Amino acid sequence: MEKQPTIRGRRLELLISEEEIKRRIKELAEEIERSFPPEGELLIVGLLKGSFIFVSDLVREIKRPVLIDFISASSYSGTESSGNVEIRQGLYIDIKDKMCFW
């Protein structure tokens, strides 16, 4: 019998299966492709660090040329939110005249 994982004594339970996540990512990729003209590169912008895996899975499902860039933002100082979002790292790619999905 497989031991159920815990964090700080609380049992974890699976809410969304891997198959459901893959299916939804594929649907999102198709929706993104339909939303932009078919010609030209599409710039996908993710928010570090939490979106890294999601963005990599998403761009693998997009069947057209894509560019990828990330921004980093934080509203935390220590363990408490300041309520103000600070951009820690901006885009490296110039977005002028690019089709962007944020």
PDB file of N, CA and C in Angstrom:
ATOM      1  N   MET A   1       0.835  -1.186   0.000  1.00  0.00           N
ATOM      2  CA  MET A   1       0.000   0.000   0.000  1.00  0.00           C
ATOM      3  C   MET A   1       0.879   1.250   0.000  1.00  0.00           C
ATOM      4  N   GLU A   2       0.574   2.199  -0.887  1.00  0.00           N
ATOM      5  CA  GLU A   2       1.359   3.417  -1.016  1.00  0.00           C
ATOM      6  C   GLU A   2       1.038   4.372   0.128  1.00  0.00           C
ATOM      7  N   LYS A   3       2.087   4.909   0.748  1.00  0.00           N
ATOM      8  CA  LYS A   3       1.905   5.842   1.858  1.00  0.00           C
ATOM      9  C   LYS A   3       1.422   7.189   1.320  1.00  0.00           C
ATOM     10  N   GLN A   4       0.397   7.747   1.958  1.00  0.00           N
ATOM     11  CA  GLN A   4      -0.148   9.032   1.527  1.00  0.00           C
ATOM     12  C   GLN A   4       0.780  10.155   1.990  1.00  0.00           C
ATOM     13  N   PRO A   5       1.179  11.056   1.072  1.00  0.00           N
ATOM     14  CA  PRO A   5       2.107  12.126   1.448  1.00  0.00           C
ATOM     15  C   PRO A   5       1.455  13.131   2.402  1.00  0.00           C
ATOM     16  N   THR A   6       2.304  13.713   3.249  1.00  0.00           N
ATOM     17  CA  THR A   6       1.822  14.723   4.197  1.00  0.00           C
ATOM     18  C   THR A   6       2.762  15.917   4.205  1.00  0.00           C
ATOM     19  N   ILE A   7       2.236  17.053   4.598  1.00  0.00           N
ATOM     20  CA  ILE A   7       3.021  18.257   4.861  1.00  0.00           C
ATOM     21  C   ILE A   7       2.549  18.792   6.201  1.00  0.00           C
ATOM     22  N   ARG A   8       3.501  18.920   7.125  1.00  0.00           N
ATOM     23  CA  ARG A   8       3.184  19.395   8.479  1.00  0.00           C
ATOM     24  C   ARG A   8       2.024  18.615   9.098  1.00  0.00           C
ATOM     25  N   GLY A   9       2.031  17.318   8.858  1.00  0.00           N
ATOM     26  CA  GLY A   9       1.019  16.460   9.442  1.00  0.00           C
ATOM     27  C   GLY A   9      -0.317  16.418   8.715  1.00  0.00           C
ATOM     28  N   ARG A  10      -0.475  17.193   7.665  1.00  0.00           N
ATOM     29  CA  ARG A  10      -1.728  17.198   6.900  1.00  0.00           C
ATOM     30  C   ARG A  10      -1.567  16.319   5.669  1.00  0.00           C
ATOM     31  N   ARG A  11      -2.566  15.464   5.451  1.00  0.00           N
ATOM     32  CA  ARG A  11      -2.531  14.585   4.282  1.00  0.00           C
ATOM     33  C   ARG A  11      -2.839  15.372   3.011  1.00  0.00           C
ATOM     34  N   LEU A  12      -2.105  15.053   1.960  1.00  0.00           N
ATOM     35  CA  LEU A  12      -2.326  15.683   0.660  1.00  0.00           C
ATOM     36  C   LEU A  12      -3.238  14.793  -0.169  1.00  0.00           C
ATOM     37  N   GLU A  13      -4.086  15.419  -0.970  1.00  0.00           N
ATOM     38  CA  GLU A  13      -4.930  14.641  -1.870  1.00  0.00           C
ATOM     39  C   GLU A  13      -4.857  15.237  -3.271  1.00  0.00           C
ATOM     40  N   LEU A  14      -4.940  14.376  -4.254  1.00  0.00           N
ATOM     41  CA  LEU A  14      -4.885  14.785  -5.651  1.00  0.00           C
ATOM     42  C   LEU A  14      -6.190  15.475  -6.031  1.00  0.00           C
ATOM     43  N   LEU A  15      -6.095  16.699  -6.536  1.00  0.00           N
ATOM     44  CA  LEU A  15      -7.282  17.448  -6.946  1.00  0.00           C
ATOM     45  C   LEU A  15      -7.507  17.383  -8.449  1.00  0.00           C
ATOM     46  N   ILE A  16      -6.422  17.460  -9.223  1.00  0.00           N
ATOM     47  CA  ILE A  16      -6.519  17.439 -10.684  1.00  0.00           C
ATOM     48  C   ILE A  16      -5.480  16.449 -11.198  1.00  0.00           C
ATOM     49  N   SER A  17      -5.918  15.503 -12.004  1.00  0.00           N
ATOM     50  CA  SER A  17      -5.000  14.473 -12.502  1.00  0.00           C
ATOM     51  C   SER A  17      -4.047  15.047 -13.551  1.00  0.00           C
ATOM     52  N   GLU A  18      -2.938  14.355 -13.740  1.00  0.00           N
ATOM     53  CA  GLU A  18      -1.964  14.747 -14.758  1.00  0.00           C
ATOM     54  C   GLU A  18      -2.611  14.771 -16.139  1.00  0.00           C
ATOM     55  N   GLU A  19      -3.474  13.808 -16.419  1.00  0.00           N
ATOM     56  CA  GLU A  19      -4.157  13.744 -17.713  1.00  0.00           C
ATOM     57  C   GLU A  19      -5.062  14.958 -17.920  1.00  0.00           C
ATOM     58  N   GLU A  20      -5.773  15.370 -16.868  1.00  0.00           N
ATOM     59  CA  GLU A  20      -6.639  16.548 -16.973  1.00  0.00           C
ATOM     60  C   GLU A  20      -5.825  17.811 -17.232  1.00  0.00           C
ATOM     61  N   ILE A  21      -4.689  17.933 -16.569  1.00  0.00           N
ATOM     62  CA  ILE A  21      -3.825  19.103 -16.764  1.00  0.00           C
ATOM     63  C   ILE A  21      -3.303  19.130 -18.196  1.00  0.00           C
ATOM     64  N   LYS A  22      -2.830  17.992 -18.700  1.00  0.00           N
ATOM     65  CA  LYS A  22      -2.323  17.925 -20.076  1.00  0.00           C
ATOM     66  C   LYS A  22      -3.414  18.272 -21.086  1.00  0.00           C
ATOM     67  N   ARG A  23      -4.621  17.751 -20.855  1.00  0.00           N
ATOM     68  CA  ARG A  23      -5.741  18.034 -21.762  1.00  0.00           C
ATOM     69  C   ARG A  23      -6.054  19.524 -21.779  1.00  0.00           C
ATOM     70  N   ARG A  24      -6.077  20.147 -20.605  1.00  0.00           N
ATOM     71  CA  ARG A  24      -6.419  21.573 -20.533  1.00  0.00           C
ATOM     72  C   ARG A  24      -5.328  22.441 -21.147  1.00  0.00           C
ATOM     73  N   ILE A  25      -4.077  22.080 -20.961  1.00  0.00           N
ATOM     74  CA  ILE A  25      -2.976  22.824 -21.578  1.00  0.00           C
ATOM     75  C   ILE A  25      -3.087  22.749 -23.092  1.00  0.00           C
ATOM     76  N   LYS A  26      -3.414  21.581 -23.623  1.00  0.00           N
ATOM     77  CA  LYS A  26      -3.597  21.429 -25.075  1.00  0.00           C
ATOM     78  C   LYS A  26      -4.748  22.312 -25.554  1.00  0.00           C
ATOM     79  N   GLU A  27      -5.856  22.345 -24.818  1.00  0.00           N
ATOM     80  CA  GLU A  27      -6.995  23.208 -25.172  1.00  0.00           C
ATOM     81  C   GLU A  27      -6.597  24.678 -25.156  1.00  0.00           C
ATOM     82  N   LEU A  28      -5.833  25.085 -24.145  1.00  0.00           N
ATOM     83  CA  LEU A  28      -5.376  26.477 -24.067  1.00  0.00           C
ATOM     84  C   LEU A  28      -4.478  26.826 -25.246  1.00  0.00           C
ATOM     85  N   ALA A  29      -3.584  25.920 -25.615  1.00  0.00           N
ATOM     86  CA  ALA A  29      -2.698  26.160 -26.757  1.00  0.00           C
ATOM     87  C   ALA A  29      -3.507  26.348 -28.033  1.00  0.00           C
ATOM     88  N   GLU A  30      -4.516  25.513 -28.230  1.00  0.00           N
ATOM     89  CA  GLU A  30      -5.372  25.641 -29.416  1.00  0.00           C
ATOM     90  C   GLU A  30      -6.139  26.960 -29.395  1.00  0.00           C
ATOM     91  N   GLU A  31      -6.619  27.346 -28.235  1.00  0.00           N
ATOM     92  CA  GLU A  31      -7.343  28.615 -28.100  1.00  0.00           C
ATOM     93  C   GLU A  31      -6.431  29.807 -28.387  1.00  0.00           C
ATOM     94  N   ILE A  32      -5.209  29.757 -27.899  1.00  0.00           N
ATOM     95  CA  ILE A  32      -4.235  30.825 -28.159  1.00  0.00           C
ATOM     96  C   ILE A  32      -3.950  30.906 -29.652  1.00  0.00           C
ATOM     97  N   GLU A  33      -3.738  29.766 -30.298  1.00  0.00           N
ATOM     98  CA  GLU A  33      -3.454  29.766 -31.737  1.00  0.00           C
ATOM     99  C   GLU A  33      -4.601  30.362 -32.544  1.00  0.00           C
ATOM    100  N   ARG A  34      -5.833  30.079 -32.144  1.00  0.00           N
ATOM    101  CA  ARG A  34      -7.000  30.640 -32.851  1.00  0.00           C
ATOM    102  C   ARG A  34      -7.149  32.142 -32.608  1.00  0.00           C
ATOM    103  N   SER A  35      -6.605  32.637 -31.510  1.00  0.00           N
ATOM    104  CA  SER A  35      -6.800  34.036 -31.118  1.00  0.00           C
ATOM    105  C   SER A  35      -5.844  35.008 -31.804  1.00  0.00           C
ATOM    106  N   PHE A  36      -4.802  34.501 -32.446  1.00  0.00           N
ATOM    107  CA  PHE A  36      -3.805  35.360 -33.073  1.00  0.00           C
ATOM    108  C   PHE A  36      -3.688  35.015 -34.549  1.00  0.00           C
ATOM    109  N   PRO A  37      -3.349  36.005 -35.382  1.00  0.00           N
ATOM    110  CA  PRO A  37      -3.153  35.719 -36.807  1.00  0.00           C
ATOM    111  C   PRO A  37      -2.103  34.616 -36.976  1.00  0.00           C
ATOM    112  N   PRO A  38      -2.275  33.756 -37.983  1.00  0.00           N
ATOM    113  CA  PRO A  38      -1.379  32.606 -38.134  1.00  0.00           C
ATOM    114  C   PRO A  38       0.044  32.959 -38.554  1.00  0.00           C
ATOM    115  N   GLU A  39       0.246  34.130 -39.137  1.00  0.00           N
ATOM    116  CA  GLU A  39       1.596  34.481 -39.574  1.00  0.00           C
ATOM    117  C   GLU A  39       2.326  35.235 -38.462  1.00  0.00           C
ATOM    118  N   GLY A  40       3.628  35.048 -38.426  1.00  0.00           N
ATOM    119  CA  GLY A  40       4.456  35.751 -37.450  1.00  0.00           C
ATOM    120  C   GLY A  40       4.647  34.973 -36.162  1.00  0.00           C
ATOM    121  N   GLU A  41       5.685  35.393 -35.439  1.00  0.00           N
ATOM    122  CA  GLU A  41       5.991  34.755 -34.164  1.00  0.00           C
ATOM    123  C   GLU A  41       5.070  35.272 -33.066  1.00  0.00           C
ATOM    124  N   LEU A  42       4.810  34.413 -32.131  1.00  0.00           N
ATOM    125  CA  LEU A  42       4.000  34.754 -30.972  1.00  0.00           C
ATOM    126  C   LEU A  42       4.928  34.799 -29.765  1.00  0.00           C
ATOM    127  N   LEU A  43       4.870  35.886 -29.001  1.00  0.00           N
ATOM    128  CA  LEU A  43       5.677  36.020 -27.790  1.00  0.00           C
ATOM    129  C   LEU A  43       4.841  35.594 -26.595  1.00  0.00           C
ATOM    130  N   ILE A  44       5.309  34.584 -25.890  1.00  0.00           N
ATOM    131  CA  ILE A  44       4.660  34.103 -24.671  1.00  0.00           C
ATOM    132  C   ILE A  44       5.448  34.664 -23.496  1.00  0.00           C
ATOM    133  N   VAL A  45       4.764  35.368 -22.594  1.00  0.00           N
ATOM    134  CA  VAL A  45       5.417  35.962 -21.423  1.00  0.00           C
ATOM    135  C   VAL A  45       4.900  35.274 -20.167  1.00  0.00           C
ATOM    136  N   GLY A  46       5.814  34.725 -19.394  1.00  0.00           N
ATOM    137  CA  GLY A  46       5.461  34.067 -18.140  1.00  0.00           C
ATOM    138  C   GLY A  46       5.955  34.864 -16.950  1.00  0.00           C
ATOM    139  N   LEU A  47       5.360  34.593 -15.805  1.00  0.00           N
ATOM    140  CA  LEU A  47       5.745  35.243 -14.556  1.00  0.00           C
ATOM    141  C   LEU A  47       6.572  34.254 -13.736  1.00  0.00           C
ATOM    142  N   LEU A  48       7.842  34.608 -13.518  1.00  0.00           N
ATOM    143  CA  LEU A  48       8.718  33.744 -12.714  1.00  0.00           C
ATOM    144  C   LEU A  48       8.304  33.801 -11.257  1.00  0.00           C
ATOM    145  N   LYS A  49       8.486  32.791 -10.556  1.00  0.00           N
ATOM    146  CA  LYS A  49       9.073  31.515 -10.923  1.00  0.00           C
ATOM    147  C   LYS A  49       7.982  30.473 -11.117  1.00  0.00           C
ATOM    148  N   GLY A  50       6.807  30.761 -10.636  1.00  0.00           N
ATOM    149  CA  GLY A  50       5.745  29.769 -10.605  1.00  0.00           C
ATOM    150  C   GLY A  50       5.236  29.276 -11.941  1.00  0.00           C
ATOM    151  N   SER A  51       5.373  30.064 -13.002  1.00  0.00           N
ATOM    152  CA  SER A  51       4.782  29.651 -14.281  1.00  0.00           C
ATOM    153  C   SER A  51       5.753  28.906 -15.187  1.00  0.00           C
ATOM    154  N   PHE A  52       6.983  28.722 -14.770  1.00  0.00           N
ATOM    155  CA  PHE A  52       8.008  28.166 -15.647  1.00  0.00           C
ATOM    156  C   PHE A  52       7.599  26.825 -16.263  1.00  0.00           C
ATOM    157  N   ILE A  53       7.178  25.870 -15.462  1.00  0.00           N
ATOM    158  CA  ILE A  53       6.815  24.545 -15.974  1.00  0.00           C
ATOM    159  C   ILE A  53       5.569  24.641 -16.847  1.00  0.00           C
ATOM    160  N   PHE A  54       4.575  25.420 -16.394  1.00  0.00           N
ATOM    161  CA  PHE A  54       3.353  25.601 -17.183  1.00  0.00           C
ATOM    162  C   PHE A  54       3.677  26.188 -18.555  1.00  0.00           C
ATOM    163  N   VAL A  55       4.490  27.240 -18.603  1.00  0.00           N
ATOM    164  CA  VAL A  55       4.840  27.874 -19.879  1.00  0.00           C
ATOM    165  C   VAL A  55       5.574  26.882 -20.778  1.00  0.00           C
ATOM    166  N   SER A  56       6.484  26.097 -20.223  1.00  0.00           N
ATOM    167  CA  SER A  56       7.208  25.131 -21.061  1.00  0.00           C
ATOM    168  C   SER A  56       6.261  24.075 -21.628  1.00  0.00           C
ATOM    169  N   ASP A  57       5.308  23.609 -20.821  1.00  0.00           N
ATOM    170  CA  ASP A  57       4.316  22.649 -21.324  1.00  0.00           C
ATOM    171  C   ASP A  57       3.429  23.294 -22.388  1.00  0.00           C
ATOM    172  N   LEU A  58       3.038  24.533 -22.161  1.00  0.00           N
ATOM    173  CA  LEU A  58       2.158  25.243 -23.091  1.00  0.00           C
ATOM    174  C   LEU A  58       2.821  25.444 -24.452  1.00  0.00           C
ATOM    175  N   VAL A  59       4.053  25.934 -24.471  1.00  0.00           N
ATOM    176  CA  VAL A  59       4.693  26.220 -25.764  1.00  0.00           C
ATOM    177  C   VAL A  59       4.976  24.947 -26.552  1.00  0.00           C
ATOM    178  N   ARG A  60       5.130  23.817 -25.878  1.00  0.00           N
ATOM    179  CA  ARG A  60       5.296  22.550 -26.600  1.00  0.00           C
ATOM    180  C   ARG A  60       4.035  22.174 -27.367  1.00  0.00           C
ATOM    181  N   GLU A  61       2.887  22.655 -26.921  1.00  0.00           N
ATOM    182  CA  GLU A  61       1.612  22.346 -27.576  1.00  0.00           C
ATOM    183  C   GLU A  61       1.234  23.361 -28.655  1.00  0.00           C
ATOM    184  N   ILE A  62       1.900  24.500 -28.695  1.00  0.00           N
ATOM    185  CA  ILE A  62       1.598  25.523 -29.703  1.00  0.00           C
ATOM    186  C   ILE A  62       2.344  25.160 -30.981  1.00  0.00           C
ATOM    187  N   LYS A  63       1.600  25.026 -32.068  1.00  0.00           N
ATOM    188  CA  LYS A  63       2.160  24.535 -33.335  1.00  0.00           C
ATOM    189  C   LYS A  63       2.522  25.684 -34.271  1.00  0.00           C
ATOM    190  N   ARG A  64       3.271  26.630 -33.770  1.00  0.00           N
ATOM    191  CA  ARG A  64       3.733  27.768 -34.567  1.00  0.00           C
ATOM    192  C   ARG A  64       4.993  28.311 -33.903  1.00  0.00           C
ATOM    193  N   PRO A  65       5.748  29.154 -34.599  1.00  0.00           N
ATOM    194  CA  PRO A  65       6.947  29.717 -33.972  1.00  0.00           C
ATOM    195  C   PRO A  65       6.576  30.582 -32.759  1.00  0.00           C
ATOM    196  N   VAL A  66       7.297  30.387 -31.669  1.00  0.00           N
ATOM    197  CA  VAL A  66       7.071  31.194 -30.470  1.00  0.00           C
ATOM    198  C   VAL A  66       8.395  31.702 -29.922  1.00  0.00           C
ATOM    199  N   LEU A  67       8.319  32.847 -29.289  1.00  0.00           N
ATOM    200  CA  LEU A  67       9.408  33.373 -28.475  1.00  0.00           C
ATOM    201  C   LEU A  67       8.925  33.284 -27.035  1.00  0.00           C
ATOM    202  N   ILE A  68       9.840  33.115 -26.113  1.00  0.00           N
ATOM    203  CA  ILE A  68       9.468  33.018 -24.704  1.00  0.00           C
ATOM    204  C   ILE A  68      10.308  34.009 -23.913  1.00  0.00           C
ATOM    205  N   ASP A  69       9.659  34.727 -23.012  1.00  0.00           N
ATOM    206  CA  ASP A  69      10.367  35.607 -22.089  1.00  0.00           C
ATOM    207  C   ASP A  69       9.634  35.554 -20.759  1.00  0.00           C
ATOM    208  N   PHE A  70      10.295  36.000 -19.724  1.00  0.00           N
ATOM    209  CA  PHE A  70       9.714  35.980 -18.387  1.00  0.00           C
ATOM    210  C   PHE A  70       9.932  37.317 -17.707  1.00  0.00           C
ATOM    211  N   ILE A  71       9.007  37.654 -16.824  1.00  0.00           N
ATOM    212  CA  ILE A  71       9.208  38.769 -15.911  1.00  0.00           C
ATOM    213  C   ILE A  71       9.193  38.195 -14.499  1.00  0.00           C
ATOM    214  N   SER A  72       9.769  38.936 -13.581  1.00  0.00           N
ATOM    215  CA  SER A  72       9.760  38.545 -12.179  1.00  0.00           C
ATOM    216  C   SER A  72       9.186  39.707 -11.385  1.00  0.00           C
ATOM    217  N   ALA A  73       8.253  39.398 -10.498  1.00  0.00           N
ATOM    218  CA  ALA A  73       7.613  40.432  -9.685  1.00  0.00           C
ATOM    219  C   ALA A  73       7.423  39.905  -8.272  1.00  0.00           C
ATOM    220  N   SER A  74       7.330  40.827  -7.329  1.00  0.00           N
ATOM    221  CA  SER A  74       7.119  40.422  -5.946  1.00  0.00           C
ATOM    222  C   SER A  74       6.368  41.508  -5.199  1.00  0.00           C
ATOM    223  N   SER A  75       5.553  41.082  -4.257  1.00  0.00           N
ATOM    224  CA  SER A  75       4.902  42.035  -3.357  1.00  0.00           C
ATOM    225  C   SER A  75       5.272  41.705  -1.913  1.00  0.00           C
ATOM    226  N   TYR A  76       6.289  40.862  -1.755  1.00  0.00           N
ATOM    227  CA  TYR A  76       6.659  40.420  -0.411  1.00  0.00           C
ATOM    228  C   TYR A  76       7.967  41.023   0.052  1.00  0.00           C
ATOM    229  N   SER A  77       7.994  41.351   1.319  1.00  0.00           N
ATOM    230  CA  SER A  77       9.213  41.731   2.009  1.00  0.00           C
ATOM    231  C   SER A  77       9.291  40.788   3.201  1.00  0.00           C
ATOM    232  N   GLY A  78      10.153  39.812   3.122  1.00  0.00           N
ATOM    233  CA  GLY A  78      10.169  38.778   4.158  1.00  0.00           C
ATOM    234  C   GLY A  78       9.002  37.835   3.950  1.00  0.00           C
ATOM    235  N   THR A  79       8.171  37.670   4.976  1.00  0.00           N
ATOM    236  CA  THR A  79       7.043  36.738   4.892  1.00  0.00           C
ATOM    237  C   THR A  79       5.699  37.436   4.753  1.00  0.00           C
ATOM    238  N   GLU A  80       5.697  38.764   4.680  1.00  0.00           N
ATOM    239  CA  GLU A  80       4.430  39.492   4.584  1.00  0.00           C
ATOM    240  C   GLU A  80       4.375  40.332   3.315  1.00  0.00           C
ATOM    241  N   SER A  81       3.175  40.392   2.726  1.00  0.00           N
ATOM    242  CA  SER A  81       2.980  41.191   1.518  1.00  0.00           C
ATOM    243  C   SER A  81       2.963  42.669   1.869  1.00  0.00           C
ATOM    244  N   SER A  82       3.640  43.454   1.038  1.00  0.00           N
ATOM    245  CA  SER A  82       3.632  44.908   1.214  1.00  0.00           C
ATOM    246  C   SER A  82       2.386  45.520   0.594  1.00  0.00           C
ATOM    247  N   GLY A  83       1.720  44.754  -0.281  1.00  0.00           N
ATOM    248  CA  GLY A  83       0.565  45.283  -0.995  1.00  0.00           C
ATOM    249  C   GLY A  83       0.946  45.992  -2.285  1.00  0.00           C
ATOM    250  N   ASN A  84       2.230  46.229  -2.494  1.00  0.00           N
ATOM    251  CA  ASN A  84       2.721  46.881  -3.711  1.00  0.00           C
ATOM    252  C   ASN A  84       3.527  45.881  -4.526  1.00  0.00           C
ATOM    253  N   VAL A  85       3.188  45.762  -5.802  1.00  0.00           N
ATOM    254  CA  VAL A  85       3.913  44.838  -6.671  1.00  0.00           C
ATOM    255  C   VAL A  85       5.120  45.556  -7.258  1.00  0.00           C
ATOM    256  N   GLU A  86       6.271  44.923  -7.115  1.00  0.00           N
ATOM    257  CA  GLU A  86       7.520  45.472  -7.638  1.00  0.00           C
ATOM    258  C   GLU A  86       8.030  44.550  -8.739  1.00  0.00           C
ATOM    259  N   ILE A  87       8.303  45.109  -9.917  1.00  0.00           N
ATOM    260  CA  ILE A  87       8.894  44.331 -11.010  1.00  0.00           C
ATOM    261  C   ILE A  87      10.378  44.170 -10.704  1.00  0.00           C
ATOM    262  N   ARG A  88      10.803  42.930 -10.546  1.00  0.00           N
ATOM    263  CA  ARG A  88      12.202  42.658 -10.205  1.00  0.00           C
ATOM    264  C   ARG A  88      13.044  42.400 -11.451  1.00  0.00           C
ATOM    265  N   GLN A  89      12.409  41.850 -12.474  1.00  0.00           N
ATOM    266  CA  GLN A  89      13.096  41.598 -13.745  1.00  0.00           C
ATOM    267  C   GLN A  89      12.098  41.855 -14.854  1.00  0.00           C
ATOM    268  N   GLY A  90      12.457  42.750 -15.753  1.00  0.00           N
ATOM    269  CA  GLY A  90      11.591  43.051 -16.880  1.00  0.00           C
ATOM    270  C   GLY A  90      11.885  42.139 -18.060  1.00  0.00           C
ATOM    271  N   LEU A  91      11.240  42.424 -19.164  1.00  0.00           N
ATOM    272  CA  LEU A  91      11.425  41.633 -20.381  1.00  0.00           C
ATOM    273  C   LEU A  91      12.775  41.923 -21.023  1.00  0.00           C
ATOM    274  N   TYR A  92      13.375  40.897 -21.591  1.00  0.00           N
ATOM    275  CA  TYR A  92      14.597  41.062 -22.370  1.00  0.00           C
ATOM    276  C   TYR A  92      14.270  41.268 -23.845  1.00  0.00           C
ATOM    277  N   ILE A  93      13.139  40.737 -24.285  1.00  0.00           N
ATOM    278  CA  ILE A  93      12.729  40.838 -25.686  1.00  0.00           C
ATOM    279  C   ILE A  93      11.907  42.105 -25.871  1.00  0.00           C
ATOM    280  N   ASP A  94      12.209  42.856 -26.921  1.00  0.00           N
ATOM    281  CA  ASP A  94      11.430  44.049 -27.259  1.00  0.00           C
ATOM    282  C   ASP A  94      10.065  43.599 -27.773  1.00  0.00           C
ATOM    283  N   ILE A  95       8.996  44.090 -27.161  1.00  0.00           N
ATOM    284  CA  ILE A  95       7.652  43.637 -27.541  1.00  0.00           C
ATOM    285  C   ILE A  95       7.026  44.480 -28.651  1.00  0.00           C
ATOM    286  N   LYS A  96       7.727  45.513 -29.089  1.00  0.00           N
ATOM    287  CA  LYS A  96       7.178  46.358 -30.152  1.00  0.00           C
ATOM    288  C   LYS A  96       6.907  45.515 -31.396  1.00  0.00           C
ATOM    289  N   ASP A  97       5.697  45.664 -31.928  1.00  0.00           N
ATOM    290  CA  ASP A  97       5.260  44.963 -33.140  1.00  0.00           C
ATOM    291  C   ASP A  97       5.217  43.436 -32.983  1.00  0.00           C
ATOM    292  N   LYS A  98       5.158  42.942 -31.762  1.00  0.00           N
ATOM    293  CA  LYS A  98       5.063  41.499 -31.527  1.00  0.00           C
ATOM    294  C   LYS A  98       3.651  41.149 -31.057  1.00  0.00           C
ATOM    295  N   MET A  99       3.200  39.958 -31.412  1.00  0.00           N
ATOM    296  CA  MET A  99       1.942  39.424 -30.886  1.00  0.00           C
ATOM    297  C   MET A  99       2.287  38.794 -29.543  1.00  0.00           C
ATOM    298  N   CYS A 100       1.708  39.309 -28.465  1.00  0.00           N
ATOM    299  CA  CYS A 100       2.083  38.870 -27.117  1.00  0.00           C
ATOM    300  C   CYS A 100       0.923  38.200 -26.401  1.00  0.00           C
ATOM    301  N   PHE A 101       1.238  37.135 -25.694  1.00  0.00           N
ATOM    302  CA  PHE A 101       0.289  36.475 -24.800  1.00  0.00           C
ATOM    303  C   PHE A 101       0.907  36.489 -23.419  1.00  0.00           C
ATOM    304  N   TRP A 102       0.245  37.152 -22.476  1.00  0.00           N
ATOM    305  CA  TRP A 102       0.755  37.301 -21.106  1.00  0.00           C
ATOM    306  C   TRP A 102       0.052  36.334 -20.217  1.00  0.00           C
TER     307      TRP A 102
END
